[in-house]
Amino acid sequence: MKVITANRLIDGEVVFLGADGTWVELIGKARVLADKDEIAAALALGAQAVAARLIVEPYEIDVIEIDGRLEPSRFREKIRAAGPTTHPALGKQARETA
């Protein structure tokens, strides 16, 4: 399973391609991609968003489902998805993750 992630250009926020084609802040709302064709189509949407100057550097990441919730499989992406590591009351980890 994969999702597409990027950074929103206006504020640098980590975002994910959502199920409806918009860029969402929470990984739990990301569109899950199962095969190469879906990934290619999602990256094409990312390229359009780059051209529209909405996001920068879209790329695919591996995700796993744990207890019904999506989580990145790599540590780096877990940090990007959760927010700053300075305090658990800051960033996305302080918000609802669904």
N, C-alpha and C. Protein backbone atom coordinates (compact mmCIF):
# COMPACT_ATOMS: atom_id res chain seq x y z
N MET A 1 0.84 -1.17 0.00
CA MET A 1 0.00 0.00 0.00
C MET A 1 0.89 1.24 0.00
N LYS A 2 0.44 2.24 -0.75
CA LYS A 2 1.20 3.48 -0.85
C LYS A 2 0.26 4.67 -0.81
N VAL A 3 0.80 5.83 -0.44
CA VAL A 3 0.11 7.11 -0.56
C VAL A 3 1.10 8.11 -1.14
N ILE A 4 0.57 9.22 -1.63
CA ILE A 4 1.41 10.28 -2.17
C ILE A 4 1.50 11.40 -1.13
N THR A 5 2.70 11.86 -0.88
CA THR A 5 2.92 12.96 0.06
C THR A 5 3.69 14.07 -0.64
N ALA A 6 3.60 15.27 -0.06
CA ALA A 6 4.31 16.44 -0.59
C ALA A 6 4.32 17.49 0.52
N ASN A 7 4.80 18.66 0.18
CA ASN A 7 4.70 19.80 1.09
C ASN A 7 3.88 20.88 0.40
N ARG A 8 2.94 21.44 1.14
CA ARG A 8 2.13 22.54 0.61
C ARG A 8 3.02 23.75 0.47
N LEU A 9 2.96 24.40 -0.66
CA LEU A 9 3.88 25.48 -0.98
C LEU A 9 3.66 26.72 -0.12
N ILE A 10 2.43 27.06 0.19
CA ILE A 10 2.15 28.31 0.89
C ILE A 10 2.67 28.34 2.32
N ASP A 11 2.70 27.15 2.99
CA ASP A 11 3.12 27.14 4.40
C ASP A 11 4.07 26.00 4.78
N GLY A 12 4.41 25.15 3.82
CA GLY A 12 5.36 24.07 4.08
C GLY A 12 4.77 22.86 4.77
N GLU A 13 3.47 22.87 5.05
CA GLU A 13 2.81 21.77 5.75
C GLU A 13 2.92 20.48 4.94
N VAL A 14 3.18 19.37 5.63
CA VAL A 14 3.18 18.06 4.98
C VAL A 14 1.74 17.72 4.64
N VAL A 15 1.52 17.32 3.40
CA VAL A 15 0.17 16.97 2.95
C VAL A 15 0.20 15.64 2.21
N PHE A 16 -0.99 15.07 2.04
CA PHE A 16 -1.16 13.79 1.38
C PHE A 16 -2.28 13.94 0.36
N LEU A 17 -2.16 13.21 -0.76
CA LEU A 17 -3.23 13.22 -1.76
C LEU A 17 -4.43 12.51 -1.17
N GLY A 18 -5.55 13.21 -1.06
CA GLY A 18 -6.76 12.65 -0.46
C GLY A 18 -7.58 11.84 -1.45
N ALA A 19 -8.56 11.17 -0.91
CA ALA A 19 -9.43 10.32 -1.71
C ALA A 19 -10.16 11.10 -2.80
N ASP A 20 -10.46 12.37 -2.54
CA ASP A 20 -11.19 13.18 -3.51
C ASP A 20 -10.28 13.99 -4.42
N GLY A 21 -8.97 13.78 -4.33
CA GLY A 21 -8.02 14.48 -5.19
C GLY A 21 -7.49 15.77 -4.61
N THR A 22 -7.97 16.16 -3.43
CA THR A 22 -7.44 17.35 -2.78
C THR A 22 -6.24 16.95 -1.93
N TRP A 23 -5.52 17.94 -1.42
CA TRP A 23 -4.36 17.68 -0.58
C TRP A 23 -4.78 17.86 0.87
N VAL A 24 -4.67 16.78 1.65
CA VAL A 24 -5.14 16.76 3.03
C VAL A 24 -3.95 16.71 3.99
N GLU A 25 -4.15 17.19 5.21
CA GLU A 25 -3.07 17.25 6.19
C GLU A 25 -2.89 15.98 6.99
N LEU A 26 -3.91 15.14 7.06
CA LEU A 26 -3.84 13.93 7.89
C LEU A 26 -3.71 12.68 7.03
N ILE A 27 -2.77 11.83 7.38
CA ILE A 27 -2.53 10.62 6.59
C ILE A 27 -3.75 9.69 6.59
N GLY A 28 -4.54 9.75 7.64
CA GLY A 28 -5.74 8.92 7.70
C GLY A 28 -6.77 9.24 6.64
N LYS A 29 -6.64 10.42 6.02
CA LYS A 29 -7.56 10.82 4.96
C LYS A 29 -6.94 10.68 3.56
N ALA A 30 -5.77 10.07 3.50
CA ALA A 30 -5.06 9.91 2.23
C ALA A 30 -5.68 8.81 1.37
N ARG A 31 -5.53 8.98 0.07
CA ARG A 31 -5.96 7.96 -0.89
C ARG A 31 -4.92 6.84 -0.87
N VAL A 32 -5.38 5.62 -0.62
CA VAL A 32 -4.48 4.46 -0.60
C VAL A 32 -4.39 3.89 -2.00
N LEU A 33 -3.17 3.67 -2.45
CA LEU A 33 -2.90 3.20 -3.81
C LEU A 33 -2.38 1.77 -3.76
N ALA A 34 -2.90 0.95 -4.65
CA ALA A 34 -2.58 -0.47 -4.58
C ALA A 34 -1.68 -0.96 -5.71
N ASP A 35 -1.63 -0.27 -6.84
CA ASP A 35 -0.83 -0.80 -7.95
C ASP A 35 -0.12 0.33 -8.71
N LYS A 36 0.72 -0.07 -9.66
CA LYS A 36 1.54 0.89 -10.40
C LYS A 36 0.71 1.91 -11.17
N ASP A 37 -0.43 1.47 -11.73
CA ASP A 37 -1.27 2.39 -12.50
C ASP A 37 -1.88 3.46 -11.60
N GLU A 38 -2.34 3.06 -10.41
CA GLU A 38 -2.90 4.03 -9.47
C GLU A 38 -1.83 5.02 -9.00
N ILE A 39 -0.63 4.49 -8.76
CA ILE A 39 0.47 5.35 -8.32
C ILE A 39 0.83 6.35 -9.43
N ALA A 40 0.91 5.89 -10.66
CA ALA A 40 1.24 6.77 -11.78
C ALA A 40 0.18 7.85 -11.94
N ALA A 41 -1.09 7.49 -11.83
CA ALA A 41 -2.17 8.48 -11.95
C ALA A 41 -2.11 9.49 -10.81
N ALA A 42 -1.82 9.04 -9.60
CA ALA A 42 -1.73 9.92 -8.45
C ALA A 42 -0.53 10.86 -8.58
N LEU A 43 0.59 10.35 -9.07
CA LEU A 43 1.75 11.21 -9.28
C LEU A 43 1.50 12.23 -10.39
N ALA A 44 0.68 11.87 -11.37
CA ALA A 44 0.29 12.84 -12.41
C ALA A 44 -0.54 13.97 -11.79
N LEU A 45 -1.43 13.63 -10.85
CA LEU A 45 -2.17 14.67 -10.13
C LEU A 45 -1.21 15.54 -9.33
N GLY A 46 -0.19 14.91 -8.76
CA GLY A 46 0.83 15.66 -8.04
C GLY A 46 1.56 16.62 -8.95
N ALA A 47 1.90 16.18 -10.16
CA ALA A 47 2.59 17.04 -11.12
C ALA A 47 1.72 18.23 -11.50
N GLN A 48 0.41 18.01 -11.63
CA GLN A 48 -0.51 19.11 -11.92
C GLN A 48 -0.54 20.11 -10.76
N ALA A 49 -0.52 19.61 -9.54
CA ALA A 49 -0.53 20.48 -8.36
C ALA A 49 0.78 21.26 -8.25
N VAL A 50 1.89 20.65 -8.67
CA VAL A 50 3.16 21.37 -8.70
C VAL A 50 3.08 22.50 -9.73
N ALA A 51 2.54 22.19 -10.90
CA ALA A 51 2.43 23.20 -11.95
C ALA A 51 1.51 24.34 -11.52
N ALA A 52 0.51 24.04 -10.69
CA ALA A 52 -0.41 25.06 -10.18
C ALA A 52 0.16 25.77 -8.95
N ARG A 53 1.37 25.38 -8.57
CA ARG A 53 2.08 25.96 -7.42
C ARG A 53 1.32 25.78 -6.11
N LEU A 54 0.73 24.58 -5.94
CA LEU A 54 0.05 24.23 -4.70
C LEU A 54 0.96 23.46 -3.76
N ILE A 55 1.79 22.59 -4.33
CA ILE A 55 2.67 21.71 -3.55
C ILE A 55 4.06 21.67 -4.19
N VAL A 56 5.01 21.08 -3.46
CA VAL A 56 6.33 20.81 -4.01
C VAL A 56 6.70 19.36 -3.70
N GLU A 57 7.45 18.78 -4.60
CA GLU A 57 8.07 17.46 -4.46
C GLU A 57 7.14 16.33 -4.02
N PRO A 58 6.10 16.03 -4.79
CA PRO A 58 5.26 14.88 -4.45
C PRO A 58 6.01 13.57 -4.70
N TYR A 59 5.81 12.62 -3.81
CA TYR A 59 6.41 11.30 -3.99
C TYR A 59 5.59 10.26 -3.24
N GLU A 60 5.79 9.02 -3.59
CA GLU A 60 5.05 7.93 -2.96
C GLU A 60 5.77 7.43 -1.72
N ILE A 61 4.97 7.00 -0.73
CA ILE A 61 5.54 6.38 0.46
C ILE A 61 4.78 5.10 0.77
N ASP A 62 5.45 4.17 1.40
CA ASP A 62 4.81 2.93 1.84
C ASP A 62 4.06 3.19 3.13
N VAL A 63 2.87 2.62 3.22
CA VAL A 63 2.08 2.72 4.44
C VAL A 63 1.62 1.32 4.85
N ILE A 64 1.32 1.19 6.13
CA ILE A 64 0.77 -0.04 6.67
C ILE A 64 -0.47 0.32 7.47
N GLU A 65 -1.34 -0.65 7.65
CA GLU A 65 -2.53 -0.44 8.46
C GLU A 65 -2.34 -1.13 9.80
N ILE A 66 -2.47 -0.37 10.87
CA ILE A 66 -2.34 -0.91 12.22
C ILE A 66 -3.60 -0.53 12.98
N ASP A 67 -4.33 -1.52 13.43
CA ASP A 67 -5.58 -1.29 14.17
C ASP A 67 -6.52 -0.36 13.42
N GLY A 68 -6.61 -0.55 12.10
CA GLY A 68 -7.52 0.23 11.29
C GLY A 68 -7.05 1.63 10.94
N ARG A 69 -5.80 1.97 11.28
CA ARG A 69 -5.26 3.30 10.99
C ARG A 69 -4.05 3.19 10.07
N LEU A 70 -3.94 4.13 9.14
CA LEU A 70 -2.78 4.17 8.25
C LEU A 70 -1.59 4.78 8.96
N GLU A 71 -0.44 4.17 8.77
CA GLU A 71 0.81 4.70 9.30
C GLU A 71 1.90 4.49 8.27
N PRO A 72 2.79 5.47 8.14
CA PRO A 72 3.94 5.27 7.26
C PRO A 72 4.81 4.13 7.80
N SER A 73 5.45 3.40 6.92
CA SER A 73 6.28 2.28 7.38
C SER A 73 7.70 2.73 7.72
N ARG A 74 8.16 3.86 7.17
CA ARG A 74 9.51 4.35 7.46
C ARG A 74 9.48 5.42 8.56
N PHE A 75 10.49 5.43 9.39
CA PHE A 75 10.58 6.35 10.52
C PHE A 75 10.52 7.80 10.07
N ARG A 76 11.26 8.14 9.02
CA ARG A 76 11.28 9.52 8.51
C ARG A 76 9.87 9.99 8.18
N GLU A 77 9.11 9.15 7.53
CA GLU A 77 7.76 9.51 7.13
C GLU A 77 6.81 9.56 8.33
N LYS A 78 7.08 8.76 9.34
CA LYS A 78 6.27 8.85 10.57
C LYS A 78 6.44 10.22 11.20
N ILE A 79 7.66 10.73 11.21
CA ILE A 79 7.90 12.07 11.76
C ILE A 79 7.21 13.13 10.91
N ARG A 80 7.32 13.02 9.60
CA ARG A 80 6.67 13.99 8.71
C ARG A 80 5.16 13.97 8.90
N ALA A 81 4.57 12.78 9.07
CA ALA A 81 3.12 12.66 9.21
C ALA A 81 2.62 13.18 10.55
N ALA A 82 3.45 13.09 11.60
CA ALA A 82 3.01 13.45 12.95
C ALA A 82 3.29 14.90 13.30
N GLY A 83 4.31 15.49 12.72
CA GLY A 83 4.65 16.86 13.07
C GLY A 83 5.93 16.91 13.88
N PRO A 84 6.20 18.04 14.52
CA PRO A 84 7.46 18.20 15.24
C PRO A 84 7.63 17.15 16.33
N THR A 85 8.86 16.77 16.57
CA THR A 85 9.14 15.76 17.60
C THR A 85 9.51 16.41 18.93
N THR A 86 9.36 17.71 19.02
CA THR A 86 9.79 18.41 20.24
C THR A 86 8.86 18.17 21.41
N HIS A 87 7.57 17.98 21.17
CA HIS A 87 6.62 17.79 22.26
C HIS A 87 5.35 17.15 21.69
N PRO A 88 4.79 16.13 22.35
CA PRO A 88 3.61 15.46 21.80
C PRO A 88 2.36 16.34 21.74
N ALA A 89 2.37 17.49 22.38
CA ALA A 89 1.22 18.39 22.32
C ALA A 89 1.29 19.33 21.12
N LEU A 90 2.33 19.20 20.29
CA LEU A 90 2.51 20.05 19.13
C LEU A 90 2.33 19.24 17.85
N GLY A 91 1.96 19.91 16.78
CA GLY A 91 1.87 19.27 15.47
C GLY A 91 0.67 18.39 15.30
N LYS A 92 0.70 17.57 14.31
CA LYS A 92 -0.42 16.71 13.97
C LYS A 92 -0.67 15.64 15.02
N GLN A 93 0.38 15.25 15.75
CA GLN A 93 0.20 14.23 16.76
C GLN A 93 -0.72 14.70 17.89
N ALA A 94 -0.90 16.01 18.01
CA ALA A 94 -1.77 16.57 19.04
C ALA A 94 -3.23 16.63 18.56
N ARG A 95 -3.45 16.39 17.26
CA ARG A 95 -4.79 16.43 16.69
C ARG A 95 -5.33 15.03 16.51
N GLU A 96 -6.60 14.97 16.22
CA GLU A 96 -7.23 13.70 15.85
C GLU A 96 -6.59 13.23 14.56
N THR A 97 -6.30 11.94 14.43
CA THR A 97 -5.56 11.45 13.26
C THR A 97 -6.43 10.80 12.21
N ALA A 98 -7.71 10.68 12.42
CA ALA A 98 -8.57 10.02 11.43
C ALA A 98 -8.97 10.94 10.34
